[in-house]
Amino acid sequence: MKTFWQHANGKVYAVESDTFGRIIGATGPFEIDELRDLDEYTYQCGLVGWLSRAMAQHTLHRINPILRQ
């Protein structure tokens, strides 16, 4: 599953999770007005640890933005 998550600083990350909800890849940060379709991104594991900690600290929240066409 691929979703967008926004950090408390306003930056947005595209996050890929497995069926158990574990983060397996991510990309970003992006400005909210620059987002594209989630399938257009290349997900890598470099941000996984940081994102997991930020989620545990409640500085990230899932968003459902309206994408520009």
PDB file of N, CA and C in Angstrom:
ATOM      1  N   MET A   1       0.844  -1.171   0.000  1.00  0.00           N
ATOM      2  CA  MET A   1       0.000   0.000   0.000  1.00  0.00           C
ATOM      3  C   MET A   1       0.896   1.242   0.000  1.00  0.00           C
ATOM      4  N   LYS A   2       0.513   2.218  -0.771  1.00  0.00           N
ATOM      5  CA  LYS A   2       1.268   3.462  -0.864  1.00  0.00           C
ATOM      6  C   LYS A   2       0.381   4.598  -0.379  1.00  0.00           C
ATOM      7  N   THR A   3       0.946   5.447   0.499  1.00  0.00           N
ATOM      8  CA  THR A   3       0.192   6.562   1.073  1.00  0.00           C
ATOM      9  C   THR A   3       1.100   7.769   1.245  1.00  0.00           C
ATOM     10  N   PHE A   4       0.491   8.927   1.415  1.00  0.00           N
ATOM     11  CA  PHE A   4       1.233  10.145   1.726  1.00  0.00           C
ATOM     12  C   PHE A   4       1.169  10.403   3.221  1.00  0.00           C
ATOM     13  N   TRP A   5       2.293  10.855   3.770  1.00  0.00           N
ATOM     14  CA  TRP A   5       2.375  11.237   5.180  1.00  0.00           C
ATOM     15  C   TRP A   5       3.000  12.625   5.252  1.00  0.00           C
ATOM     16  N   GLN A   6       2.440  13.476   6.113  1.00  0.00           N
ATOM     17  CA  GLN A   6       2.952  14.840   6.261  1.00  0.00           C
ATOM     18  C   GLN A   6       3.601  15.001   7.627  1.00  0.00           C
ATOM     19  N   HIS A   7       4.805  15.573   7.624  1.00  0.00           N
ATOM     20  CA  HIS A   7       5.550  15.837   8.854  1.00  0.00           C
ATOM     21  C   HIS A   7       5.053  17.140   9.477  1.00  0.00           C
ATOM     22  N   ALA A   8       5.330  17.314  10.736  1.00  0.00           N
ATOM     23  CA  ALA A   8       4.927  18.528  11.448  1.00  0.00           C
ATOM     24  C   ALA A   8       5.526  19.786  10.803  1.00  0.00           C
ATOM     25  N   ASN A   9       6.645  19.642  10.080  1.00  0.00           N
ATOM     26  CA  ASN A   9       7.256  20.798   9.422  1.00  0.00           C
ATOM     27  C   ASN A   9       6.598  21.130   8.079  1.00  0.00           C
ATOM     28  N   GLY A  10       5.580  20.361   7.679  1.00  0.00           N
ATOM     29  CA  GLY A  10       4.851  20.621   6.450  1.00  0.00           C
ATOM     30  C   GLY A  10       5.289  19.790   5.253  1.00  0.00           C
ATOM     31  N   LYS A  11       6.460  19.175   5.314  1.00  0.00           N
ATOM     32  CA  LYS A  11       6.960  18.362   4.205  1.00  0.00           C
ATOM     33  C   LYS A  11       6.180  17.052   4.124  1.00  0.00           C
ATOM     34  N   VAL A  12       6.031  16.542   2.894  1.00  0.00           N
ATOM     35  CA  VAL A  12       5.247  15.334   2.649  1.00  0.00           C
ATOM     36  C   VAL A  12       6.162  14.230   2.124  1.00  0.00           C
ATOM     37  N   TYR A  13       5.884  13.008   2.562  1.00  0.00           N
ATOM     38  CA  TYR A  13       6.633  11.831   2.149  1.00  0.00           C
ATOM     39  C   TYR A  13       5.669  10.811   1.557  1.00  0.00           C
ATOM     40  N   ALA A  14       6.096  10.142   0.492  1.00  0.00           N
ATOM     41  CA  ALA A  14       5.342   9.029  -0.067  1.00  0.00           C
ATOM     42  C   ALA A  14       5.905   7.775   0.592  1.00  0.00           C
ATOM     43  N   VAL A  15       5.030   6.975   1.180  1.00  0.00           N
ATOM     44  CA  VAL A  15       5.451   5.821   1.968  1.00  0.00           C
ATOM     45  C   VAL A  15       4.803   4.555   1.423  1.00  0.00           C
ATOM     46  N   GLU A  16       5.613   3.511   1.284  1.00  0.00           N
ATOM     47  CA  GLU A  16       5.114   2.209   0.847  1.00  0.00           C
ATOM     48  C   GLU A  16       5.174   1.250   2.024  1.00  0.00           C
ATOM     49  N   SER A  17       4.069   0.566   2.281  1.00  0.00           N
ATOM     50  CA  SER A  17       3.977  -0.387   3.396  1.00  0.00           C
ATOM     51  C   SER A  17       3.576  -1.754   2.861  1.00  0.00           C
ATOM     52  N   ASP A  18       3.948  -2.805   3.607  1.00  0.00           N
ATOM     53  CA  ASP A  18       3.496  -4.140   3.226  1.00  0.00           C
ATOM     54  C   ASP A  18       2.096  -4.382   3.784  1.00  0.00           C
ATOM     55  N   THR A  19       1.554  -5.560   3.589  1.00  0.00           N
ATOM     56  CA  THR A  19       0.184  -5.847   4.011  1.00  0.00           C
ATOM     57  C   THR A  19       0.023  -5.874   5.525  1.00  0.00           C
ATOM     58  N   PHE A  20       1.143  -5.919   6.264  1.00  0.00           N
ATOM     59  CA  PHE A  20       1.097  -5.907   7.724  1.00  0.00           C
ATOM     60  C   PHE A  20       1.294  -4.500   8.290  1.00  0.00           C
ATOM     61  N   GLY A  21       1.446  -3.497   7.412  1.00  0.00           N
ATOM     62  CA  GLY A  21       1.617  -2.122   7.857  1.00  0.00           C
ATOM     63  C   GLY A  21       3.055  -1.718   8.122  1.00  0.00           C
ATOM     64  N   ARG A  22       4.013  -2.599   7.860  1.00  0.00           N
ATOM     65  CA  ARG A  22       5.429  -2.263   8.054  1.00  0.00           C
ATOM     66  C   ARG A  22       5.913  -1.430   6.870  1.00  0.00           C
ATOM     67  N   ILE A  23       6.645  -0.372   7.162  1.00  0.00           N
ATOM     68  CA  ILE A  23       7.185   0.493   6.112  1.00  0.00           C
ATOM     69  C   ILE A  23       8.309  -0.254   5.400  1.00  0.00           C
ATOM     70  N   ILE A  24       8.221  -0.330   4.077  1.00  0.00           N
ATOM     71  CA  ILE A  24       9.264  -1.003   3.311  1.00  0.00           C
ATOM     72  C   ILE A  24      10.018  -0.063   2.379  1.00  0.00           C
ATOM     73  N   GLY A  25       9.500   1.145   2.198  1.00  0.00           N
ATOM     74  CA  GLY A  25      10.178   2.122   1.358  1.00  0.00           C
ATOM     75  C   GLY A  25       9.507   3.475   1.451  1.00  0.00           C
ATOM     76  N   ALA A  26      10.250   4.486   1.060  1.00  0.00           N
ATOM     77  CA  ALA A  26       9.713   5.848   1.115  1.00  0.00           C
ATOM     78  C   ALA A  26      10.515   6.744   0.182  1.00  0.00           C
ATOM     79  N   THR A  27       9.958   7.908  -0.071  1.00  0.00           N
ATOM     80  CA  THR A  27      10.648   8.931  -0.842  1.00  0.00           C
ATOM     81  C   THR A  27      10.136  10.307  -0.394  1.00  0.00           C
ATOM     82  N   GLY A  28      10.945  11.285  -0.587  1.00  0.00           N
ATOM     83  CA  GLY A  28      10.577  12.637  -0.186  1.00  0.00           C
ATOM     84  C   GLY A  28      11.776  13.328   0.432  1.00  0.00           C
ATOM     85  N   PRO A  29      11.610  14.494   0.948  1.00  0.00           N
ATOM     86  CA  PRO A  29      10.377  15.248   1.185  1.00  0.00           C
ATOM     87  C   PRO A  29       9.935  16.036  -0.044  1.00  0.00           C
ATOM     88  N   PHE A  30       8.633  16.310  -0.056  1.00  0.00           N
ATOM     89  CA  PHE A  30       8.010  17.080  -1.127  1.00  0.00           C
ATOM     90  C   PHE A  30       7.162  18.190  -0.518  1.00  0.00           C
ATOM     91  N   GLU A  31       6.951  19.232  -1.300  1.00  0.00           N
ATOM     92  CA  GLU A  31       5.981  20.256  -0.933  1.00  0.00           C
ATOM     93  C   GLU A  31       4.601  19.710  -1.283  1.00  0.00           C
ATOM     94  N   ILE A  32       3.603  20.058  -0.514  1.00  0.00           N
ATOM     95  CA  ILE A  32       2.272  19.493  -0.718  1.00  0.00           C
ATOM     96  C   ILE A  32       1.690  19.836  -2.085  1.00  0.00           C
ATOM     97  N   ASP A  33       2.075  20.973  -2.660  1.00  0.00           N
ATOM     98  CA  ASP A  33       1.528  21.354  -3.965  1.00  0.00           C
ATOM     99  C   ASP A  33       2.321  20.768  -5.138  1.00  0.00           C
ATOM    100  N   GLU A  34       3.327  19.923  -4.856  1.00  0.00           N
ATOM    101  CA  GLU A  34       4.140  19.295  -5.900  1.00  0.00           C
ATOM    102  C   GLU A  34       3.887  17.795  -6.021  1.00  0.00           C
ATOM    103  N   LEU A  35       2.887  17.261  -5.338  1.00  0.00           N
ATOM    104  CA  LEU A  35       2.688  15.816  -5.290  1.00  0.00           C
ATOM    105  C   LEU A  35       2.145  15.268  -6.601  1.00  0.00           C
ATOM    106  N   ARG A  36       2.604  14.046  -6.911  1.00  0.00           N
ATOM    107  CA  ARG A  36       2.149  13.330  -8.099  1.00  0.00           C
ATOM    108  C   ARG A  36       1.461  12.046  -7.650  1.00  0.00           C
ATOM    109  N   ASP A  37       1.022  11.246  -8.592  1.00  0.00           N
ATOM    110  CA  ASP A  37       0.431   9.951  -8.292  1.00  0.00           C
ATOM    111  C   ASP A  37       1.445   9.075  -7.551  1.00  0.00           C
ATOM    112  N   LEU A  38       0.991   8.353  -6.554  1.00  0.00           N
ATOM    113  CA  LEU A  38       1.879   7.525  -5.728  1.00  0.00           C
ATOM    114  C   LEU A  38       2.658   6.488  -6.532  1.00  0.00           C
ATOM    115  N   ASP A  39       2.126   6.022  -7.633  1.00  0.00           N
ATOM    116  CA  ASP A  39       2.816   5.023  -8.451  1.00  0.00           C
ATOM    117  C   ASP A  39       3.955   5.611  -9.281  1.00  0.00           C
ATOM    118  N   GLU A  40       4.072   6.916  -9.333  1.00  0.00           N
ATOM    119  CA  GLU A  40       5.125   7.563 -10.117  1.00  0.00           C
ATOM    120  C   GLU A  40       6.446   7.700  -9.358  1.00  0.00           C
ATOM    121  N   TYR A  41       6.479   7.388  -8.092  1.00  0.00           N
ATOM    122  CA  TYR A  41       7.676   7.560  -7.270  1.00  0.00           C
ATOM    123  C   TYR A  41       8.496   6.278  -7.203  1.00  0.00           C
ATOM    124  N   THR A  42       9.793   6.441  -6.949  1.00  0.00           N
ATOM    125  CA  THR A  42      10.694   5.326  -6.696  1.00  0.00           C
ATOM    126  C   THR A  42      10.917   5.267  -5.197  1.00  0.00           C
ATOM    127  N   TYR A  43      10.534   4.168  -4.586  1.00  0.00           N
ATOM    128  CA  TYR A  43      10.607   4.015  -3.136  1.00  0.00           C
ATOM    129  C   TYR A  43      11.908   3.318  -2.759  1.00  0.00           C
ATOM    130  N   GLN A  44      12.595   3.859  -1.746  1.00  0.00           N
ATOM    131  CA  GLN A  44      13.854   3.290  -1.286  1.00  0.00           C
ATOM    132  C   GLN A  44      13.812   3.136   0.224  1.00  0.00           C
ATOM    133  N   CYS A  45      14.750   2.385   0.766  1.00  0.00           N
ATOM    134  CA  CYS A  45      14.709   2.070   2.195  1.00  0.00           C
ATOM    135  C   CYS A  45      15.459   3.073   3.077  1.00  0.00           C
ATOM    136  N   GLY A  46      16.125   4.069   2.519  1.00  0.00           N
ATOM    137  CA  GLY A  46      16.941   4.991   3.292  1.00  0.00           C
ATOM    138  C   GLY A  46      16.207   5.796   4.352  1.00  0.00           C
ATOM    139  N   LEU A  47      14.939   6.069   4.172  1.00  0.00           N
ATOM    140  CA  LEU A  47      14.176   6.887   5.118  1.00  0.00           C
ATOM    141  C   LEU A  47      13.350   6.064   6.099  1.00  0.00           C
ATOM    142  N   VAL A  48      13.344   4.753   5.955  1.00  0.00           N
ATOM    143  CA  VAL A  48      12.446   3.898   6.732  1.00  0.00           C
ATOM    144  C   VAL A  48      12.628   4.072   8.238  1.00  0.00           C
ATOM    145  N   GLY A  49      13.858   4.047   8.725  1.00  0.00           N
ATOM    146  CA  GLY A  49      14.109   4.204  10.161  1.00  0.00           C
ATOM    147  C   GLY A  49      13.649   5.549  10.685  1.00  0.00           C
ATOM    148  N   TRP A  50      13.981   6.610   9.957  1.00  0.00           N
ATOM    149  CA  TRP A  50      13.592   7.956  10.378  1.00  0.00           C
ATOM    150  C   TRP A  50      12.070   8.093  10.396  1.00  0.00           C
ATOM    151  N   LEU A  51      11.404   7.599   9.341  1.00  0.00           N
ATOM    152  CA  LEU A  51       9.948   7.690   9.289  1.00  0.00           C
ATOM    153  C   LEU A  51       9.289   6.904  10.409  1.00  0.00           C
ATOM    154  N   SER A  52       9.812   5.731  10.707  1.00  0.00           N
ATOM    155  CA  SER A  52       9.260   4.920  11.799  1.00  0.00           C
ATOM    156  C   SER A  52       9.355   5.649  13.131  1.00  0.00           C
ATOM    157  N   ARG A  53      10.495   6.284  13.377  1.00  0.00           N
ATOM    158  CA  ARG A  53      10.663   7.051  14.625  1.00  0.00           C
ATOM    159  C   ARG A  53       9.733   8.266  14.649  1.00  0.00           C
ATOM    160  N   ALA A  54       9.613   8.957  13.531  1.00  0.00           N
ATOM    161  CA  ALA A  54       8.734  10.130  13.466  1.00  0.00           C
ATOM    162  C   ALA A  54       7.274   9.730  13.684  1.00  0.00           C
ATOM    163  N   MET A  55       6.877   8.590  13.151  1.00  0.00           N
ATOM    164  CA  MET A  55       5.509   8.113  13.378  1.00  0.00           C
ATOM    165  C   MET A  55       5.292   7.770  14.850  1.00  0.00           C
ATOM    166  N   ALA A  56       6.283   7.141  15.465  1.00  0.00           N
ATOM    167  CA  ALA A  56       6.175   6.792  16.885  1.00  0.00           C
ATOM    168  C   ALA A  56       6.105   8.046  17.756  1.00  0.00           C
ATOM    169  N   GLN A  57       6.753   9.128  17.324  1.00  0.00           N
ATOM    170  CA  GLN A  57       6.753  10.385  18.070  1.00  0.00           C
ATOM    171  C   GLN A  57       5.542  11.262  17.704  1.00  0.00           C
ATOM    172  N   HIS A  58       4.704  10.769  16.818  1.00  0.00           N
ATOM    173  CA  HIS A  58       3.490  11.484  16.379  1.00  0.00           C
ATOM    174  C   HIS A  58       3.794  12.817  15.695  1.00  0.00           C
ATOM    175  N   THR A  59       4.920  12.867  14.972  1.00  0.00           N
ATOM    176  CA  THR A  59       5.232  14.072  14.199  1.00  0.00           C
ATOM    177  C   THR A  59       4.883  13.887  12.724  1.00  0.00           C
ATOM    178  N   LEU A  60       4.342  12.730  12.371  1.00  0.00           N
ATOM    179  CA  LEU A  60       3.866  12.449  11.024  1.00  0.00           C
ATOM    180  C   LEU A  60       2.412  12.012  11.098  1.00  0.00           C
ATOM    181  N   HIS A  61       1.628  12.430  10.112  1.00  0.00           N
ATOM    182  CA  HIS A  61       0.259  11.938  10.034  1.00  0.00           C
ATOM    183  C   HIS A  61      -0.096  11.680   8.570  1.00  0.00           C
ATOM    184  N   ARG A  62      -0.926  10.686   8.369  1.00  0.00           N
ATOM    185  CA  ARG A  62      -1.335  10.300   7.017  1.00  0.00           C
ATOM    186  C   ARG A  62      -2.266  11.364   6.448  1.00  0.00           C
ATOM    187  N   ILE A  63      -2.066  11.668   5.183  1.00  0.00           N
ATOM    188  CA  ILE A  63      -2.930  12.636   4.514  1.00  0.00           C
ATOM    189  C   ILE A  63      -3.466  12.031   3.216  1.00  0.00           C
ATOM    190  N   ASN A  64      -4.503  12.617   2.708  1.00  0.00           N
ATOM    191  CA  ASN A  64      -5.116  12.192   1.464  1.00  0.00           C
ATOM    192  C   ASN A  64      -5.289  13.431   0.579  1.00  0.00           C
ATOM    193  N   PRO A  65      -4.189  13.938   0.026  1.00  0.00           N
ATOM    194  CA  PRO A  65      -4.275  15.207  -0.727  1.00  0.00           C
ATOM    195  C   PRO A  65      -4.975  15.043  -2.069  1.00  0.00           C
ATOM    196  N   ILE A  66      -5.481  16.134  -2.573  1.00  0.00           N
ATOM    197  CA  ILE A  66      -6.023  16.167  -3.922  1.00  0.00           C
ATOM    198  C   ILE A  66      -4.865  16.519  -4.844  1.00  0.00           C
ATOM    199  N   LEU A  67      -4.569  15.624  -5.774  1.00  0.00           N
ATOM    200  CA  LEU A  67      -3.414  15.810  -6.656  1.00  0.00           C
ATOM    201  C   LEU A  67      -3.769  16.689  -7.825  1.00  0.00           C
ATOM    202  N   ARG A  68      -2.795  17.481  -8.253  1.00  0.00           N
ATOM    203  CA  ARG A  68      -2.967  18.315  -9.438  1.00  0.00           C
ATOM    204  C   ARG A  68      -2.850  17.445 -10.669  1.00  0.00           C
ATOM    205  N   GLN A  69      -3.580  17.775 -11.687  1.00  0.00           N
ATOM    206  CA  GLN A  69      -3.553  16.999 -12.923  1.00  0.00           C
ATOM    207  C   GLN A  69      -2.675  17.653 -13.947  1.00  0.00           C
TER     208      GLN A  69
END
